[in-house]
Amino acid sequence: MNNSGPKLQIGKPGDVGMSAEHIALLRTRAKEWVDNGSTPALSMVVARRGKVVLHEAFGVYGPQPDARALDVGAIFPLASIGKVFAATAIMILVDDGLVGLNRPVQECLPEFAGAGKEAVMVHHLLTHTSGLVDEDVVKHQEANRGKVTIPPLEPNEYPMIHELLWLRWDAPLSKAPGEQMSYSGAGYSMLAEIIRRVSGKNVAQFMRDRVFAPLEMKDTDYKVAPAMRARYVERSADIPDTFPEPSTVDVPGGSVGGYSTAMDMAVFCQMFLNGGQYGVARVLSEAAVM
């Protein structure tokens, strides 16, 4: 196993077998997407073989008429990339010998009860094949609202996720485990709870300690600190699925959450391309990445 993995460095397209003309076309297209209103803002990193050949920002920081031009330090909400973070945390715990992919979810979450659920393994939650269908889970959750006794919060729990878990624990499976892939935010909320119970830290705390800090992802977190607020990319509230205001407190939900820059996310991705390592920081074993 290597003692280090290459870090991203600035390079030229020709150095890594890429076309300078095609990279220039990417830059042109990105500007066109902003100019024609397809998106108000985007930040782009293009890299190959550890060399960054394009790192630019296009658009503006917000919908205000006087919004300033975007720069590469722009911080975006990550939405469902939070699932990738939760999956990474689970695989770190697998490397640590504290979680087994082929072990029943009920071993960590005994409240996850009901017909057939003893056959749901951790890997089913990771691969969206647990049999949980979000539409059905949400219907069950709302039917349970006001009928389920929700216990007090523990110190490192996030209130909304705590409530949702207790409204969902007895939601029936819509399919047998492994029968069908159905994108499941509910399953990733349960993975976040496994992380919390096994490690003693919620996803935000765990990712800071085991991923963000070792990789020096200084612009990535589950909240936006006041000092970084000016770098947050705002979108008009009438854009679907938008995040007009950043959270100033942790939102460690497992399914969605987190804020970052394009370059920090490129570092995160390069760690996987390096087999789980970036520089001298090993985040995952090569086996876990494979």
C-alpha atoms as a PDB file:
ATOM      1  CA  MET A   1       0.000   0.000   0.000  1.00  0.00           C
ATOM      2  CA  ASN A   2       1.362   3.414  -0.964  1.00  0.00           C
ATOM      3  CA  ASN A   3       2.425   5.818   1.766  1.00  0.00           C
ATOM      4  CA  SER A   4       0.895   8.766  -0.074  1.00  0.00           C
ATOM      5  CA  GLY A   5      -1.551   9.578  -2.820  1.00  0.00           C
ATOM      6  CA  PRO A   6      -1.054  12.385  -5.309  1.00  0.00           C
ATOM      7  CA  LYS A   7      -2.592  15.743  -4.494  1.00  0.00           C
ATOM      8  CA  LEU A   8      -4.251  17.879  -7.127  1.00  0.00           C
ATOM      9  CA  GLN A   9      -1.900  20.278  -8.881  1.00  0.00           C
ATOM     10  CA  ILE A  10      -2.386  22.893 -11.575  1.00  0.00           C
ATOM     11  CA  GLY A  11      -1.551  21.563 -15.039  1.00  0.00           C
ATOM     12  CA  LYS A  12      -2.162  21.999 -18.735  1.00  0.00           C
ATOM     13  CA  PRO A  13      -4.525  19.887 -20.853  1.00  0.00           C
ATOM     14  CA  GLY A  14      -1.701  18.638 -23.050  1.00  0.00           C
ATOM     15  CA  ASP A  15       0.193  17.354 -20.006  1.00  0.00           C
ATOM     16  CA  VAL A  16      -2.555  14.792 -19.295  1.00  0.00           C
ATOM     17  CA  GLY A  17      -3.658  13.901 -22.801  1.00  0.00           C
ATOM     18  CA  MET A  18      -6.573  16.335 -22.978  1.00  0.00           C
ATOM     19  CA  SER A  19      -7.550  18.700 -25.762  1.00  0.00           C
ATOM     20  CA  ALA A  20      -6.976  22.378 -24.992  1.00  0.00           C
ATOM     21  CA  GLU A  21      -9.621  23.212 -27.578  1.00  0.00           C
ATOM     22  CA  HIS A  22     -12.221  21.049 -25.848  1.00  0.00           C
ATOM     23  CA  ILE A  23     -11.380  22.571 -22.465  1.00  0.00           C
ATOM     24  CA  ALA A  24     -11.851  26.011 -24.001  1.00  0.00           C
ATOM     25  CA  LEU A  25     -15.217  24.826 -25.349  1.00  0.00           C
ATOM     26  CA  LEU A  26     -16.261  23.807 -21.815  1.00  0.00           C
ATOM     27  CA  ARG A  27     -15.467  27.330 -20.651  1.00  0.00           C
ATOM     28  CA  THR A  28     -17.502  28.771 -23.524  1.00  0.00           C
ATOM     29  CA  ARG A  29     -20.475  26.509 -22.816  1.00  0.00           C
ATOM     30  CA  ALA A  30     -20.455  27.330 -19.101  1.00  0.00           C
ATOM     31  CA  LYS A  31     -20.585  31.041 -19.890  1.00  0.00           C
ATOM     32  CA  GLU A  32     -23.418  30.421 -22.370  1.00  0.00           C
ATOM     33  CA  TRP A  33     -25.446  28.526 -19.749  1.00  0.00           C
ATOM     34  CA  VAL A  34     -25.235  31.526 -17.446  1.00  0.00           C
ATOM     35  CA  ASP A  35     -25.855  34.064 -20.193  1.00  0.00           C
ATOM     36  CA  ASN A  36     -28.972  32.264 -21.495  1.00  0.00           C
ATOM     37  CA  GLY A  37     -30.432  31.796 -18.027  1.00  0.00           C
ATOM     38  CA  SER A  38     -30.034  28.022 -17.791  1.00  0.00           C
ATOM     39  CA  THR A  39     -28.323  28.544 -14.430  1.00  0.00           C
ATOM     40  CA  PRO A  40     -27.464  31.717 -12.502  1.00  0.00           C
ATOM     41  CA  ALA A  41     -24.160  30.398 -11.189  1.00  0.00           C
ATOM     42  CA  LEU A  42     -21.775  27.517 -11.542  1.00  0.00           C
ATOM     43  CA  SER A  43     -18.255  26.645 -10.486  1.00  0.00           C
ATOM     44  CA  MET A  44     -16.247  24.129 -12.465  1.00  0.00           C
ATOM     45  CA  VAL A  45     -13.182  21.972 -11.808  1.00  0.00           C
ATOM     46  CA  VAL A  46     -11.827  19.712 -14.548  1.00  0.00           C
ATOM     47  CA  ALA A  47      -8.938  17.442 -13.647  1.00  0.00           C
ATOM     48  CA  ARG A  48      -7.217  14.356 -14.974  1.00  0.00           C
ATOM     49  CA  ARG A  49      -4.370  12.286 -13.565  1.00  0.00           C
ATOM     50  CA  GLY A  50      -4.142  14.641 -10.611  1.00  0.00           C
ATOM     51  CA  LYS A  51      -3.775  17.771 -12.751  1.00  0.00           C
ATOM     52  CA  VAL A  52      -6.388  20.552 -12.660  1.00  0.00           C
ATOM     53  CA  VAL A  53      -6.772  21.925 -16.172  1.00  0.00           C
ATOM     54  CA  LEU A  54      -9.813  24.143 -15.560  1.00  0.00           C
ATOM     55  CA  HIS A  55     -10.984  25.852 -12.373  1.00  0.00           C
ATOM     56  CA  GLU A  56     -13.310  28.770 -12.999  1.00  0.00           C
ATOM     57  CA  ALA A  57     -16.587  30.261 -11.837  1.00  0.00           C
ATOM     58  CA  PHE A  58     -19.393  31.771 -13.873  1.00  0.00           C
ATOM     59  CA  GLY A  59     -22.433  33.830 -12.944  1.00  0.00           C
ATOM     60  CA  VAL A  60     -23.213  35.783  -9.795  1.00  0.00           C
ATOM     61  CA  TYR A  61     -23.572  35.154  -6.072  1.00  0.00           C
ATOM     62  CA  GLY A  62     -27.280  35.877  -5.832  1.00  0.00           C
ATOM     63  CA  PRO A  63     -30.505  37.037  -7.494  1.00  0.00           C
ATOM     64  CA  GLN A  64     -30.062  40.663  -6.407  1.00  0.00           C
ATOM     65  CA  PRO A  65     -29.506  43.157  -9.246  1.00  0.00           C
ATOM     66  CA  ASP A  66     -26.192  44.245  -7.728  1.00  0.00           C
ATOM     67  CA  ALA A  67     -24.955  40.727  -6.872  1.00  0.00           C
ATOM     68  CA  ARG A  68     -21.205  40.434  -7.353  1.00  0.00           C
ATOM     69  CA  ALA A  69     -19.565  38.114  -9.843  1.00  0.00           C
ATOM     70  CA  LEU A  70     -18.988  34.546  -8.714  1.00  0.00           C
ATOM     71  CA  ASP A  71     -15.449  33.419  -7.915  1.00  0.00           C
ATOM     72  CA  VAL A  72     -13.912  30.001  -7.318  1.00  0.00           C
ATOM     73  CA  GLY A  73     -14.325  30.350  -3.548  1.00  0.00           C
ATOM     74  CA  ALA A  74     -18.098  30.118  -3.910  1.00  0.00           C
ATOM     75  CA  ILE A  75     -19.834  27.798  -1.424  1.00  0.00           C
ATOM     76  CA  PHE A  76     -22.774  25.768  -2.696  1.00  0.00           C
ATOM     77  CA  PRO A  77     -25.361  23.623  -0.864  1.00  0.00           C
ATOM     78  CA  LEU A  78     -24.653  19.955  -1.586  1.00  0.00           C
ATOM     79  CA  ALA A  79     -28.156  18.485  -1.234  1.00  0.00           C
ATOM     80  CA  SER A  80     -28.021  14.736  -1.942  1.00  0.00           C
ATOM     81  CA  ILE A  81     -24.226  14.652  -2.027  1.00  0.00           C
ATOM     82  CA  GLY A  82     -24.871  14.251   1.702  1.00  0.00           C
ATOM     83  CA  LYS A  83     -25.619  10.615   0.833  1.00  0.00           C
ATOM     84  CA  VAL A  84     -22.097  10.191  -0.534  1.00  0.00           C
ATOM     85  CA  PHE A  85     -20.712  11.590   2.706  1.00  0.00           C
ATOM     86  CA  ALA A  86     -22.845   9.208   4.783  1.00  0.00           C
ATOM     87  CA  ALA A  87     -21.783   6.256   2.632  1.00  0.00           C
ATOM     88  CA  THR A  88     -18.131   7.227   3.086  1.00  0.00           C
ATOM     89  CA  ALA A  89     -18.591   7.387   6.849  1.00  0.00           C
ATOM     90  CA  ILE A  90     -20.181   3.932   6.864  1.00  0.00           C
ATOM     91  CA  MET A  91     -17.283   2.478   4.874  1.00  0.00           C
ATOM     92  CA  ILE A  92     -14.798   4.032   7.307  1.00  0.00           C
ATOM     93  CA  LEU A  93     -16.632   2.218  10.104  1.00  0.00           C
ATOM     94  CA  VAL A  94     -16.468  -0.975   8.037  1.00  0.00           C
ATOM     95  CA  ASP A  95     -12.695  -0.472   7.781  1.00  0.00           C
ATOM     96  CA  ASP A  96     -12.645   0.067  11.552  1.00  0.00           C
ATOM     97  CA  GLY A  97     -14.380  -3.278  12.066  1.00  0.00           C
ATOM     98  CA  LEU A  98     -17.377  -1.633  13.733  1.00  0.00           C
ATOM     99  CA  VAL A  99     -19.980  -2.118  10.985  1.00  0.00           C
ATOM    100  CA  GLY A 100     -20.551  -5.103   8.701  1.00  0.00           C
ATOM    101  CA  LEU A 101     -22.045  -4.654   5.250  1.00  0.00           C
ATOM    102  CA  ASN A 102     -23.653  -8.087   5.415  1.00  0.00           C
ATOM    103  CA  ARG A 103     -25.015  -7.666   8.931  1.00  0.00           C
ATOM    104  CA  PRO A 104     -28.707  -6.978   9.638  1.00  0.00           C
ATOM    105  CA  VAL A 105     -29.662  -3.351  10.117  1.00  0.00           C
ATOM    106  CA  GLN A 106     -31.589  -4.462  13.206  1.00  0.00           C
ATOM    107  CA  GLU A 107     -28.308  -5.233  14.984  1.00  0.00           C
ATOM    108  CA  CYS A 108     -27.606  -1.488  15.096  1.00  0.00           C
ATOM    109  CA  LEU A 109     -31.197  -0.240  14.944  1.00  0.00           C
ATOM    110  CA  PRO A 110     -33.490  -2.662  16.817  1.00  0.00           C
ATOM    111  CA  GLU A 111     -36.370  -0.194  16.408  1.00  0.00           C
ATOM    112  CA  PHE A 112     -36.343  -0.980  12.678  1.00  0.00           C
ATOM    113  CA  ALA A 113     -38.973  -3.661  13.170  1.00  0.00           C
ATOM    114  CA  GLY A 114     -41.611  -5.324  11.023  1.00  0.00           C
ATOM    115  CA  ALA A 115     -42.237  -8.130   8.579  1.00  0.00           C
ATOM    116  CA  GLY A 116     -39.177  -9.034   6.532  1.00  0.00           C
ATOM    117  CA  LYS A 117     -36.940  -6.375   8.017  1.00  0.00           C
ATOM    118  CA  GLU A 118     -34.644  -8.914   9.631  1.00  0.00           C
ATOM    119  CA  ALA A 119     -33.414  -9.598   6.079  1.00  0.00           C
ATOM    120  CA  VAL A 120     -32.420  -5.972   5.434  1.00  0.00           C
ATOM    121  CA  MET A 121     -28.639  -5.698   5.564  1.00  0.00           C
ATOM    122  CA  VAL A 122     -26.500  -2.577   5.812  1.00  0.00           C
ATOM    123  CA  HIS A 123     -25.473  -2.953   2.166  1.00  0.00           C
ATOM    124  CA  HIS A 124     -29.139  -2.796   1.160  1.00  0.00           C
ATOM    125  CA  LEU A 125     -29.429   0.686   2.687  1.00  0.00           C
ATOM    126  CA  LEU A 126     -26.257   1.795   0.924  1.00  0.00           C
ATOM    127  CA  THR A 127     -27.433   0.578  -2.482  1.00  0.00           C
ATOM    128  CA  HIS A 128     -31.080   1.705  -2.218  1.00  0.00           C
ATOM    129  CA  THR A 129     -32.273  -1.910  -2.356  1.00  0.00           C
ATOM    130  CA  SER A 130     -33.680  -2.257   1.182  1.00  0.00           C
ATOM    131  CA  GLY A 131     -37.299  -2.429   0.028  1.00  0.00           C
ATOM    132  CA  LEU A 132     -38.047   1.003   1.479  1.00  0.00           C
ATOM    133  CA  VAL A 133     -39.805   3.235  -1.052  1.00  0.00           C
ATOM    134  CA  ASP A 134     -39.704   6.882  -0.005  1.00  0.00           C
ATOM    135  CA  GLU A 135     -43.230   7.692  -1.183  1.00  0.00           C
ATOM    136  CA  ASP A 136     -44.650   4.860   0.923  1.00  0.00           C
ATOM    137  CA  VAL A 137     -42.438   5.693   3.898  1.00  0.00           C
ATOM    138  CA  VAL A 138     -43.586   9.323   3.898  1.00  0.00           C
ATOM    139  CA  LYS A 139     -47.248   8.262   3.784  1.00  0.00           C
ATOM    140  CA  HIS A 140     -46.674   5.985   6.765  1.00  0.00           C
ATOM    141  CA  GLN A 141     -44.760   8.728   8.575  1.00  0.00           C
ATOM    142  CA  GLU A 142     -47.641  11.189   8.214  1.00  0.00           C
ATOM    143  CA  ALA A 143     -50.173   8.573   9.326  1.00  0.00           C
ATOM    144  CA  ASN A 144     -48.061   8.053  12.457  1.00  0.00           C
ATOM    145  CA  ARG A 145     -47.793  11.741  13.269  1.00  0.00           C
ATOM    146  CA  GLY A 146     -49.433  12.452  16.627  1.00  0.00           C
ATOM    147  CA  LYS A 147     -49.761   8.735  17.389  1.00  0.00           C
ATOM    148  CA  VAL A 148     -46.162   7.803  18.154  1.00  0.00           C
ATOM    149  CA  THR A 149     -44.398   8.677  21.395  1.00  0.00           C
ATOM    150  CA  ILE A 150     -41.092  10.285  20.471  1.00  0.00           C
ATOM    151  CA  PRO A 151     -38.402   9.978  23.158  1.00  0.00           C
ATOM    152  CA  PRO A 152     -36.182  12.916  24.183  1.00  0.00           C
ATOM    153  CA  LEU A 153     -33.250  13.908  22.030  1.00  0.00           C
ATOM    154  CA  GLU A 154     -29.787  12.622  22.806  1.00  0.00           C
ATOM    155  CA  PRO A 155     -26.991  15.256  22.861  1.00  0.00           C
ATOM    156  CA  ASN A 156     -25.648  14.628  19.349  1.00  0.00           C
ATOM    157  CA  GLU A 157     -28.958  14.151  17.533  1.00  0.00           C
ATOM    158  CA  TYR A 158     -30.542  16.512  15.020  1.00  0.00           C
ATOM    159  CA  PRO A 159     -34.160  17.238  16.041  1.00  0.00           C
ATOM    160  CA  MET A 160     -35.887  16.845  12.680  1.00  0.00           C
ATOM    161  CA  ILE A 161     -34.148  13.578  11.804  1.00  0.00           C
ATOM    162  CA  HIS A 162     -34.792  12.220  15.301  1.00  0.00           C
ATOM    163  CA  GLU A 163     -38.514  12.865  14.872  1.00  0.00           C
ATOM    164  CA  LEU A 164     -38.644  11.390  11.368  1.00  0.00           C
ATOM    165  CA  LEU A 165     -36.873   8.209  12.427  1.00  0.00           C
ATOM    166  CA  TRP A 166     -39.374   7.565  15.195  1.00  0.00           C
ATOM    167  CA  LEU A 167     -42.267   8.182  12.817  1.00  0.00           C
ATOM    168  CA  ARG A 168     -40.747   5.763  10.303  1.00  0.00           C
ATOM    169  CA  TRP A 169     -39.312   2.881  12.313  1.00  0.00           C
ATOM    170  CA  ASP A 170     -42.340   0.627  11.740  1.00  0.00           C
ATOM    171  CA  ALA A 171     -42.914   1.612   8.096  1.00  0.00           C
ATOM    172  CA  PRO A 172     -43.442  -1.627   6.145  1.00  0.00           C
ATOM    173  CA  LEU A 173     -41.193  -2.699   3.305  1.00  0.00           C
ATOM    174  CA  SER A 174     -42.705  -2.092  -0.122  1.00  0.00           C
ATOM    175  CA  LYS A 175     -40.469  -4.723  -1.727  1.00  0.00           C
ATOM    176  CA  ALA A 176     -38.374  -7.624  -0.539  1.00  0.00           C
ATOM    177  CA  PRO A 177     -34.764  -6.639   0.243  1.00  0.00           C
ATOM    178  CA  GLY A 178     -32.624  -6.812  -2.883  1.00  0.00           C
ATOM    179  CA  GLU A 179     -35.604  -7.075  -5.226  1.00  0.00           C
ATOM    180  CA  GLN A 180     -35.653  -3.518  -6.553  1.00  0.00           C
ATOM    181  CA  MET A 181     -33.532  -0.386  -6.473  1.00  0.00           C
ATOM    182  CA  SER A 182     -35.560   2.601  -5.246  1.00  0.00           C
ATOM    183  CA  TYR A 183     -33.723   5.818  -4.389  1.00  0.00           C
ATOM    184  CA  SER A 184     -34.283   6.102  -0.652  1.00  0.00           C
ATOM    185  CA  GLY A 185     -33.591   9.120   1.500  1.00  0.00           C
ATOM    186  CA  ALA A 186     -35.219   7.224   4.355  1.00  0.00           C
ATOM    187  CA  GLY A 187     -32.573   4.523   4.091  1.00  0.00           C
ATOM    188  CA  TYR A 188     -29.768   7.071   4.279  1.00  0.00           C
ATOM    189  CA  SER A 189     -31.318   8.693   7.343  1.00  0.00           C
ATOM    190  CA  MET A 190     -31.030   5.263   8.946  1.00  0.00           C
ATOM    191  CA  LEU A 191     -27.406   4.984   7.876  1.00  0.00           C
ATOM    192  CA  ALA A 192     -26.767   8.313   9.593  1.00  0.00           C
ATOM    193  CA  GLU A 193     -28.298   6.895  12.751  1.00  0.00           C
ATOM    194  CA  ILE A 194     -26.050   3.821  12.502  1.00  0.00           C
ATOM    195  CA  ILE A 195     -23.050   6.149  12.263  1.00  0.00           C
ATOM    196  CA  ARG A 196     -24.213   8.059  15.331  1.00  0.00           C
ATOM    197  CA  ARG A 197     -24.859   4.999  17.466  1.00  0.00           C
ATOM    198  CA  VAL A 198     -21.729   3.097  16.495  1.00  0.00           C
ATOM    199  CA  SER A 199     -19.252   5.992  16.590  1.00  0.00           C
ATOM    200  CA  GLY A 200     -20.881   8.210  19.197  1.00  0.00           C
ATOM    201  CA  LYS A 201     -20.779  11.111  16.729  1.00  0.00           C
ATOM    202  CA  ASN A 202     -23.399  12.405  14.331  1.00  0.00           C
ATOM    203  CA  VAL A 203     -22.529  12.547  10.632  1.00  0.00           C
ATOM    204  CA  ALA A 204     -21.308  16.153  10.819  1.00  0.00           C
ATOM    205  CA  GLN A 205     -18.932  15.456  13.709  1.00  0.00           C
ATOM    206  CA  PHE A 206     -17.729  12.211  12.168  1.00  0.00           C
ATOM    207  CA  MET A 207     -17.053  13.690   8.730  1.00  0.00           C
ATOM    208  CA  ARG A 208     -15.159  16.644  10.183  1.00  0.00           C
ATOM    209  CA  ASP A 209     -12.875  14.367  12.170  1.00  0.00           C
ATOM    210  CA  ARG A 210     -12.348  11.532   9.706  1.00  0.00           C
ATOM    211  CA  VAL A 211     -12.660  13.173   6.275  1.00  0.00           C
ATOM    212  CA  PHE A 212     -12.790  16.971   6.085  1.00  0.00           C
ATOM    213  CA  ALA A 213      -9.885  17.666   8.446  1.00  0.00           C
ATOM    214  CA  PRO A 214      -7.496  14.986   7.101  1.00  0.00           C
ATOM    215  CA  LEU A 215      -8.199  16.065   3.511  1.00  0.00           C
ATOM    216  CA  GLU A 216      -7.906  19.750   4.465  1.00  0.00           C
ATOM    217  CA  MET A 217     -11.373  20.422   3.050  1.00  0.00           C
ATOM    218  CA  LYS A 218     -11.536  23.717   4.933  1.00  0.00           C
ATOM    219  CA  ASP A 219     -14.510  25.035   2.968  1.00  0.00           C
ATOM    220  CA  THR A 220     -16.721  22.005   3.599  1.00  0.00           C
ATOM    221  CA  ASP A 221     -19.092  21.606   6.527  1.00  0.00           C
ATOM    222  CA  TYR A 222     -22.675  20.907   7.520  1.00  0.00           C
ATOM    223  CA  LYS A 223     -23.284  24.570   8.254  1.00  0.00           C
ATOM    224  CA  VAL A 224     -22.058  27.917   6.960  1.00  0.00           C
ATOM    225  CA  ALA A 225     -20.141  29.912   9.556  1.00  0.00           C
ATOM    226  CA  PRO A 226     -20.907  33.658   9.714  1.00  0.00           C
ATOM    227  CA  ALA A 227     -17.432  34.483   8.417  1.00  0.00           C
ATOM    228  CA  MET A 228     -18.148  32.428   5.274  1.00  0.00           C
ATOM    229  CA  ARG A 229     -21.680  33.682   4.684  1.00  0.00           C
ATOM    230  CA  ALA A 230     -20.634  36.153   1.974  1.00  0.00           C
ATOM    231  CA  ARG A 231     -19.318  33.239  -0.100  1.00  0.00           C
ATOM    232  CA  TYR A 232     -22.626  31.359  -0.088  1.00  0.00           C
ATOM    233  CA  VAL A 233     -24.384  31.149  -3.463  1.00  0.00           C
ATOM    234  CA  GLU A 234     -27.986  32.267  -3.123  1.00  0.00           C
ATOM    235  CA  ARG A 235     -30.692  31.340  -5.589  1.00  0.00           C
ATOM    236  CA  SER A 236     -34.095  32.834  -6.100  1.00  0.00           C
ATOM    237  CA  ALA A 237     -36.714  31.260  -3.842  1.00  0.00           C
ATOM    238  CA  ASP A 238     -38.902  30.479  -6.863  1.00  0.00           C
ATOM    239  CA  ILE A 239     -36.351  28.012  -8.268  1.00  0.00           C
ATOM    240  CA  PRO A 240     -37.495  24.430  -7.416  1.00  0.00           C
ATOM    241  CA  ASP A 241     -35.522  22.573  -4.742  1.00  0.00           C
ATOM    242  CA  THR A 242     -33.497  25.653  -3.955  1.00  0.00           C
ATOM    243  CA  PHE A 243     -31.629  26.530  -0.743  1.00  0.00           C
ATOM    244  CA  PRO A 244     -31.973  30.308  -0.467  1.00  0.00           C
ATOM    245  CA  GLU A 245     -30.529  30.565   3.044  1.00  0.00           C
ATOM    246  CA  PRO A 246     -27.624  28.554   4.455  1.00  0.00           C
ATOM    247  CA  SER A 247     -27.961  26.828   7.795  1.00  0.00           C
ATOM    248  CA  THR A 248     -25.944  28.250  10.678  1.00  0.00           C
ATOM    249  CA  VAL A 249     -26.338  25.028  12.686  1.00  0.00           C
ATOM    250  CA  ASP A 250     -25.414  21.465  11.748  1.00  0.00           C
ATOM    251  CA  VAL A 251     -27.911  19.565   9.599  1.00  0.00           C
ATOM    252  CA  PRO A 252     -26.418  16.055   9.752  1.00  0.00           C
ATOM    253  CA  GLY A 253     -29.261  14.146   8.151  1.00  0.00           C
ATOM    254  CA  GLY A 254     -27.439  11.515   6.090  1.00  0.00           C
ATOM    255  CA  SER A 255     -29.758  11.935   3.103  1.00  0.00           C
ATOM    256  CA  VAL A 256     -29.115  15.609   2.384  1.00  0.00           C
ATOM    257  CA  GLY A 257     -26.786  18.171   3.864  1.00  0.00           C
ATOM    258  CA  GLY A 258     -23.482  19.921   3.658  1.00  0.00           C
ATOM    259  CA  TYR A 259     -21.896  22.894   1.937  1.00  0.00           C
ATOM    260  CA  SER A 260     -18.718  23.006  -0.101  1.00  0.00           C
ATOM    261  CA  THR A 261     -16.710  24.497  -2.944  1.00  0.00           C
ATOM    262  CA  ALA A 262     -15.996  22.867  -6.282  1.00  0.00           C
ATOM    263  CA  MET A 263     -12.320  22.471  -5.400  1.00  0.00           C
ATOM    264  CA  ASP A 264     -12.996  20.818  -2.049  1.00  0.00           C
ATOM    265  CA  MET A 265     -15.282  18.346  -3.806  1.00  0.00           C
ATOM    266  CA  ALA A 266     -12.564  17.698  -6.377  1.00  0.00           C
ATOM    267  CA  VAL A 267     -10.198  16.844  -3.518  1.00  0.00           C
ATOM    268  CA  PHE A 268     -12.812  14.485  -2.079  1.00  0.00           C
ATOM    269  CA  CYS A 269     -13.193  12.764  -5.464  1.00  0.00           C
ATOM    270  CA  GLN A 270      -9.427  12.556  -6.001  1.00  0.00           C
ATOM    271  CA  MET A 271      -9.151  10.683  -2.707  1.00  0.00           C
ATOM    272  CA  PHE A 272     -11.314   7.932  -4.228  1.00  0.00           C
ATOM    273  CA  LEU A 273      -9.323   7.941  -7.477  1.00  0.00           C
ATOM    274  CA  ASN A 274      -6.195   7.500  -5.348  1.00  0.00           C
ATOM    275  CA  GLY A 275      -7.648   4.390  -3.726  1.00  0.00           C
ATOM    276  CA  GLY A 276      -8.774   6.082  -0.525  1.00  0.00           C
ATOM    277  CA  GLN A 277      -5.760   8.314   0.096  1.00  0.00           C
ATOM    278  CA  TYR A 278      -4.849  11.943  -0.577  1.00  0.00           C
ATOM    279  CA  GLY A 279      -1.343  13.027   0.227  1.00  0.00           C
ATOM    280  CA  VAL A 280      -0.423  11.288   3.483  1.00  0.00           C
ATOM    281  CA  ALA A 281      -4.057  11.143   4.649  1.00  0.00           C
ATOM    282  CA  ARG A 282      -5.621   7.730   4.238  1.00  0.00           C
ATOM    283  CA  VAL A 283      -9.403   7.979   4.603  1.00  0.00           C
ATOM    284  CA  LEU A 284     -10.452   4.576   3.284  1.00  0.00           C
ATOM    285  CA  SER A 285      -8.763   1.293   2.544  1.00  0.00           C
ATOM    286  CA  GLU A 286      -8.241   0.364  -1.086  1.00  0.00           C
ATOM    287  CA  ALA A 287     -10.685  -2.513  -0.557  1.00  0.00           C
ATOM    288  CA  ALA A 288     -13.381  -0.132   0.666  1.00  0.00           C
ATOM    289  CA  VAL A 289     -12.986   2.058  -2.427  1.00  0.00           C
ATOM    290  CA  MET A 290     -13.094  -0.901  -4.770  1.00  0.00           C
END
